[in-house]
Amino acid sequence: MSIDQTDVVDIISPDPSTGDVILTISDHLDWADTIAHQNMLQTKLNRYLAFVESGEIMDKYPAAKGSEIVFRVVFKFAPDASGRAFLERARAVISSAGFTLVDKVRPQTWIN
């Protein structure tokens, strides 16, 4: 699963160190078309918010009860400046809903 499958939650996992429930978006796209990328990411984040706010998360992952929810986006490619600005706006919206948004760029590894 990945960002282009906007109707599904990619990964749900517990954080053993904090007890938080992490909902991960796997983003493999480059930022050549930053507007399209941002729109896709917004659609995916909205799906994740709906998943949590509707209570669907409790049906699919009952262990989430009482846990803090963290949305994590793992990028293959670093966001451009416009993508970074989008993430800051999204972070504010998600925070106002009572959740956390974190992101990271996955280091490239080479297999020889």
N, C-alpha and C. Protein backbone atom coordinates (compact mmCIF):
# COMPACT_ATOMS: atom_id res chain seq x y z
N MET A 1 0.83 -1.17 0.00
CA MET A 1 0.00 0.00 0.00
C MET A 1 0.88 1.24 0.00
N SER A 2 0.31 2.32 -0.51
CA SER A 2 1.09 3.54 -0.58
C SER A 2 0.18 4.74 -0.74
N ILE A 3 0.79 5.89 -0.87
CA ILE A 3 0.06 7.15 -0.95
C ILE A 3 -0.97 7.17 -2.07
N ASP A 4 -0.69 6.48 -3.17
CA ASP A 4 -1.62 6.54 -4.30
C ASP A 4 -2.86 5.67 -4.08
N GLN A 5 -2.91 4.91 -3.01
CA GLN A 5 -4.11 4.17 -2.63
C GLN A 5 -4.78 4.97 -1.52
N THR A 6 -5.50 6.00 -1.93
CA THR A 6 -5.99 6.98 -0.97
C THR A 6 -7.14 6.49 -0.10
N ASP A 7 -7.70 5.35 -0.41
CA ASP A 7 -8.85 4.87 0.36
C ASP A 7 -8.49 3.86 1.44
N VAL A 8 -7.21 3.61 1.65
CA VAL A 8 -6.79 2.63 2.66
C VAL A 8 -5.77 3.23 3.62
N VAL A 9 -5.72 2.65 4.81
CA VAL A 9 -4.68 2.99 5.78
C VAL A 9 -3.54 2.02 5.54
N ASP A 10 -2.36 2.56 5.30
CA ASP A 10 -1.23 1.72 4.91
C ASP A 10 -0.76 0.81 6.04
N ILE A 11 -0.39 1.40 7.18
CA ILE A 11 0.21 0.63 8.28
C ILE A 11 -0.30 1.17 9.61
N ILE A 12 -0.72 0.27 10.49
CA ILE A 12 -1.07 0.61 11.87
C ILE A 12 -0.12 -0.17 12.76
N SER A 13 0.55 0.53 13.67
CA SER A 13 1.49 -0.17 14.55
C SER A 13 1.59 0.55 15.89
N PRO A 14 1.88 -0.22 16.94
CA PRO A 14 2.09 0.42 18.24
C PRO A 14 3.53 0.91 18.35
N ASP A 15 3.72 1.96 19.13
CA ASP A 15 5.06 2.40 19.48
C ASP A 15 5.32 1.85 20.87
N PRO A 16 6.16 0.83 21.00
CA PRO A 16 6.36 0.19 22.30
C PRO A 16 6.96 1.12 23.35
N SER A 17 7.66 2.15 22.92
CA SER A 17 8.29 3.04 23.90
C SER A 17 7.32 4.07 24.49
N THR A 18 6.26 4.41 23.73
CA THR A 18 5.33 5.44 24.21
C THR A 18 3.91 4.94 24.43
N GLY A 19 3.57 3.82 23.78
CA GLY A 19 2.20 3.33 23.82
C GLY A 19 1.31 3.99 22.78
N ASP A 20 1.87 4.93 22.02
CA ASP A 20 1.10 5.58 20.95
C ASP A 20 0.77 4.57 19.86
N VAL A 21 -0.28 4.87 19.12
CA VAL A 21 -0.61 4.10 17.92
C VAL A 21 -0.18 4.94 16.73
N ILE A 22 0.64 4.36 15.87
CA ILE A 22 1.20 5.05 14.72
C ILE A 22 0.46 4.60 13.46
N LEU A 23 -0.08 5.57 12.74
CA LEU A 23 -0.70 5.31 11.44
C LEU A 23 0.25 5.86 10.39
N THR A 24 0.84 4.98 9.61
CA THR A 24 1.90 5.37 8.68
C THR A 24 1.40 5.45 7.25
N ILE A 25 1.81 6.52 6.58
CA ILE A 25 1.60 6.68 5.14
C ILE A 25 2.95 6.47 4.47
N SER A 26 2.98 5.57 3.51
CA SER A 26 4.19 5.29 2.75
C SER A 26 4.14 6.10 1.46
N ASP A 27 5.04 7.07 1.32
CA ASP A 27 5.03 7.99 0.19
C ASP A 27 6.28 7.79 -0.65
N HIS A 28 6.10 7.17 -1.80
CA HIS A 28 7.23 6.85 -2.68
C HIS A 28 7.37 7.83 -3.85
N LEU A 29 6.52 8.84 -3.91
CA LEU A 29 6.50 9.73 -5.06
C LEU A 29 7.53 10.85 -4.95
N ASP A 30 8.04 11.28 -6.12
CA ASP A 30 8.92 12.45 -6.11
C ASP A 30 8.05 13.70 -6.11
N TRP A 31 8.65 14.86 -6.11
CA TRP A 31 7.92 16.12 -5.99
C TRP A 31 7.93 16.90 -7.29
N ALA A 32 8.10 16.22 -8.43
CA ALA A 32 8.14 16.89 -9.73
C ALA A 32 6.85 17.67 -9.98
N ASP A 33 5.71 17.09 -9.61
CA ASP A 33 4.42 17.78 -9.70
C ASP A 33 3.94 18.00 -8.26
N THR A 34 4.48 19.02 -7.63
CA THR A 34 4.25 19.24 -6.21
C THR A 34 2.78 19.44 -5.86
N ILE A 35 2.02 20.11 -6.72
CA ILE A 35 0.60 20.34 -6.44
C ILE A 35 -0.17 19.03 -6.45
N ALA A 36 0.06 18.20 -7.45
CA ALA A 36 -0.62 16.90 -7.50
C ALA A 36 -0.22 16.04 -6.29
N HIS A 37 1.05 16.10 -5.93
CA HIS A 37 1.54 15.33 -4.79
C HIS A 37 0.86 15.81 -3.50
N GLN A 38 0.80 17.11 -3.31
CA GLN A 38 0.15 17.66 -2.12
C GLN A 38 -1.32 17.28 -2.07
N ASN A 39 -2.00 17.33 -3.22
CA ASN A 39 -3.42 16.96 -3.26
C ASN A 39 -3.61 15.49 -2.88
N MET A 40 -2.73 14.63 -3.37
CA MET A 40 -2.83 13.21 -3.04
C MET A 40 -2.56 12.99 -1.55
N LEU A 41 -1.56 13.68 -1.03
CA LEU A 41 -1.23 13.55 0.39
C LEU A 41 -2.37 14.09 1.26
N GLN A 42 -2.99 15.18 0.84
CA GLN A 42 -4.13 15.73 1.58
C GLN A 42 -5.28 14.74 1.59
N THR A 43 -5.56 14.11 0.46
CA THR A 43 -6.63 13.11 0.39
C THR A 43 -6.33 11.95 1.33
N LYS A 44 -5.09 11.52 1.33
CA LYS A 44 -4.70 10.39 2.19
C LYS A 44 -4.80 10.79 3.66
N LEU A 45 -4.31 11.95 4.02
CA LEU A 45 -4.40 12.41 5.41
C LEU A 45 -5.86 12.56 5.85
N ASN A 46 -6.71 13.06 4.96
CA ASN A 46 -8.14 13.17 5.28
C ASN A 46 -8.75 11.80 5.54
N ARG A 47 -8.33 10.81 4.77
CA ARG A 47 -8.81 9.44 4.98
C ARG A 47 -8.38 8.94 6.35
N TYR A 48 -7.13 9.21 6.72
CA TYR A 48 -6.63 8.79 8.02
C TYR A 48 -7.41 9.48 9.15
N LEU A 49 -7.67 10.77 9.00
CA LEU A 49 -8.45 11.48 10.01
C LEU A 49 -9.85 10.88 10.14
N ALA A 50 -10.48 10.60 9.02
CA ALA A 50 -11.82 10.00 9.04
C ALA A 50 -11.78 8.62 9.69
N PHE A 51 -10.74 7.87 9.44
CA PHE A 51 -10.55 6.53 10.01
C PHE A 51 -10.54 6.60 11.53
N VAL A 52 -9.87 7.60 12.07
CA VAL A 52 -9.77 7.75 13.52
C VAL A 52 -11.03 8.40 14.09
N GLU A 53 -11.45 9.51 13.51
CA GLU A 53 -12.56 10.27 14.08
C GLU A 53 -13.89 9.53 14.00
N SER A 54 -14.05 8.66 13.02
CA SER A 54 -15.30 7.90 12.89
C SER A 54 -15.37 6.72 13.86
N GLY A 55 -14.23 6.38 14.46
CA GLY A 55 -14.17 5.22 15.33
C GLY A 55 -13.83 3.93 14.60
N GLU A 56 -13.66 4.02 13.29
CA GLU A 56 -13.31 2.83 12.50
C GLU A 56 -12.02 2.20 13.01
N ILE A 57 -11.12 3.02 13.53
CA ILE A 57 -9.87 2.48 14.05
C ILE A 57 -10.12 1.45 15.15
N MET A 58 -11.15 1.67 15.96
CA MET A 58 -11.45 0.74 17.06
C MET A 58 -11.95 -0.60 16.54
N ASP A 59 -12.65 -0.58 15.40
CA ASP A 59 -13.09 -1.83 14.79
C ASP A 59 -11.91 -2.61 14.23
N LYS A 60 -10.98 -1.91 13.61
CA LYS A 60 -9.85 -2.55 12.94
C LYS A 60 -8.67 -2.81 13.87
N TYR A 61 -8.54 -1.97 14.90
CA TYR A 61 -7.38 -2.06 15.79
C TYR A 61 -7.81 -1.69 17.21
N PRO A 62 -8.50 -2.62 17.90
CA PRO A 62 -9.03 -2.32 19.23
C PRO A 62 -7.97 -1.89 20.24
N ALA A 63 -6.74 -2.28 20.03
CA ALA A 63 -5.66 -1.91 20.96
C ALA A 63 -5.42 -0.40 20.98
N ALA A 64 -6.01 0.32 20.06
CA ALA A 64 -5.84 1.77 20.02
C ALA A 64 -6.61 2.48 21.12
N LYS A 65 -7.52 1.78 21.76
CA LYS A 65 -8.35 2.42 22.79
C LYS A 65 -7.46 3.04 23.87
N GLY A 66 -7.69 4.33 24.11
CA GLY A 66 -6.96 5.05 25.14
C GLY A 66 -5.56 5.49 24.75
N SER A 67 -5.14 5.19 23.53
CA SER A 67 -3.80 5.56 23.09
C SER A 67 -3.81 6.88 22.33
N GLU A 68 -2.69 7.57 22.37
CA GLU A 68 -2.50 8.74 21.53
C GLU A 68 -2.32 8.26 20.10
N ILE A 69 -2.84 9.03 19.14
CA ILE A 69 -2.72 8.68 17.73
C ILE A 69 -1.71 9.60 17.07
N VAL A 70 -0.78 8.99 16.34
CA VAL A 70 0.25 9.73 15.62
C VAL A 70 0.16 9.34 14.14
N PHE A 71 0.03 10.34 13.29
CA PHE A 71 0.09 10.13 11.85
C PHE A 71 1.54 10.34 11.43
N ARG A 72 2.10 9.36 10.74
CA ARG A 72 3.50 9.45 10.31
C ARG A 72 3.55 9.28 8.80
N VAL A 73 4.23 10.19 8.13
CA VAL A 73 4.45 10.08 6.69
C VAL A 73 5.93 9.77 6.49
N VAL A 74 6.19 8.69 5.79
CA VAL A 74 7.56 8.31 5.48
C VAL A 74 7.76 8.53 3.98
N PHE A 75 8.63 9.49 3.66
CA PHE A 75 8.89 9.87 2.28
C PHE A 75 10.11 9.15 1.72
N LYS A 76 10.02 8.77 0.47
CA LYS A 76 11.20 8.29 -0.25
C LYS A 76 12.04 9.48 -0.70
N PHE A 77 11.35 10.57 -1.08
CA PHE A 77 12.02 11.78 -1.56
C PHE A 77 11.65 12.94 -0.64
N ALA A 78 12.63 13.76 -0.32
CA ALA A 78 12.39 14.91 0.55
C ALA A 78 11.41 15.88 -0.12
N PRO A 79 10.45 16.38 0.65
CA PRO A 79 9.53 17.37 0.08
C PRO A 79 10.26 18.64 -0.34
N ASP A 80 9.75 19.26 -1.39
CA ASP A 80 10.28 20.55 -1.80
C ASP A 80 9.74 21.62 -0.85
N ALA A 81 10.09 22.88 -1.09
CA ALA A 81 9.68 23.96 -0.18
C ALA A 81 8.16 24.05 -0.09
N SER A 82 7.48 23.91 -1.19
CA SER A 82 6.03 23.97 -1.19
C SER A 82 5.43 22.78 -0.43
N GLY A 83 6.04 21.62 -0.60
CA GLY A 83 5.60 20.43 0.14
C GLY A 83 5.81 20.59 1.64
N ARG A 84 6.93 21.20 2.03
CA ARG A 84 7.20 21.46 3.46
C ARG A 84 6.16 22.41 4.03
N ALA A 85 5.82 23.46 3.27
CA ALA A 85 4.80 24.41 3.73
C ALA A 85 3.46 23.70 3.89
N PHE A 86 3.13 22.82 2.94
CA PHE A 86 1.90 22.04 3.06
C PHE A 86 1.90 21.20 4.34
N LEU A 87 3.03 20.55 4.62
CA LEU A 87 3.11 19.71 5.82
C LEU A 87 2.91 20.52 7.09
N GLU A 88 3.43 21.74 7.13
CA GLU A 88 3.24 22.58 8.31
C GLU A 88 1.77 22.96 8.49
N ARG A 89 1.09 23.24 7.39
CA ARG A 89 -0.34 23.55 7.48
C ARG A 89 -1.11 22.30 7.93
N ALA A 90 -0.77 21.15 7.36
CA ALA A 90 -1.43 19.89 7.73
C ALA A 90 -1.17 19.56 9.20
N ARG A 91 0.05 19.80 9.65
CA ARG A 91 0.41 19.54 11.05
C ARG A 91 -0.48 20.35 11.99
N ALA A 92 -0.73 21.62 11.63
CA ALA A 92 -1.57 22.49 12.45
C ALA A 92 -3.01 21.98 12.49
N VAL A 93 -3.54 21.56 11.37
CA VAL A 93 -4.91 21.05 11.31
C VAL A 93 -5.03 19.77 12.12
N ILE A 94 -4.08 18.86 11.95
CA ILE A 94 -4.12 17.58 12.66
C ILE A 94 -3.95 17.81 14.16
N SER A 95 -3.10 18.73 14.52
CA SER A 95 -2.91 19.06 15.93
C SER A 95 -4.19 19.62 16.54
N SER A 96 -4.90 20.48 15.79
CA SER A 96 -6.14 21.06 16.30
C SER A 96 -7.22 20.00 16.47
N ALA A 97 -7.08 18.87 15.78
CA ALA A 97 -8.02 17.76 15.93
C ALA A 97 -7.62 16.84 17.09
N GLY A 98 -6.46 17.12 17.71
CA GLY A 98 -6.04 16.34 18.86
C GLY A 98 -5.05 15.23 18.57
N PHE A 99 -4.46 15.27 17.39
CA PHE A 99 -3.52 14.23 16.99
C PHE A 99 -2.18 14.85 16.63
N THR A 100 -1.22 14.02 16.30
CA THR A 100 0.13 14.48 15.97
C THR A 100 0.48 14.01 14.56
N LEU A 101 1.16 14.86 13.81
CA LEU A 101 1.69 14.50 12.50
C LEU A 101 3.20 14.62 12.54
N VAL A 102 3.88 13.54 12.20
CA VAL A 102 5.34 13.56 12.07
C VAL A 102 5.69 13.07 10.67
N ASP A 103 6.85 13.45 10.21
CA ASP A 103 7.29 12.98 8.90
C ASP A 103 8.78 12.76 8.92
N LYS A 104 9.22 11.90 8.03
CA LYS A 104 10.65 11.67 7.87
C LYS A 104 10.92 11.19 6.46
N VAL A 105 12.14 11.43 6.02
CA VAL A 105 12.58 10.95 4.72
C VAL A 105 13.38 9.69 4.97
N ARG A 106 12.99 8.63 4.32
CA ARG A 106 13.70 7.36 4.47
C ARG A 106 15.04 7.45 3.75
N PRO A 107 16.10 7.11 4.45
CA PRO A 107 17.43 7.17 3.80
C PRO A 107 17.49 6.17 2.64
N GLN A 108 18.13 6.62 1.58
CA GLN A 108 18.31 5.73 0.43
C GLN A 108 19.37 4.68 0.76
N THR A 109 19.10 3.46 0.43
CA THR A 109 20.08 2.39 0.60
C THR A 109 20.38 1.79 -0.75
N TRP A 110 21.57 1.39 -0.93
CA TRP A 110 22.00 0.83 -2.20
C TRP A 110 22.40 -0.62 -2.01
N ILE A 111 21.96 -1.45 -2.90
CA ILE A 111 22.32 -2.86 -2.87
C ILE A 111 23.26 -3.12 -4.05
N ASN A 112 24.45 -3.59 -3.76
CA ASN A 112 25.42 -3.89 -4.82
C ASN A 112 25.55 -5.37 -5.00
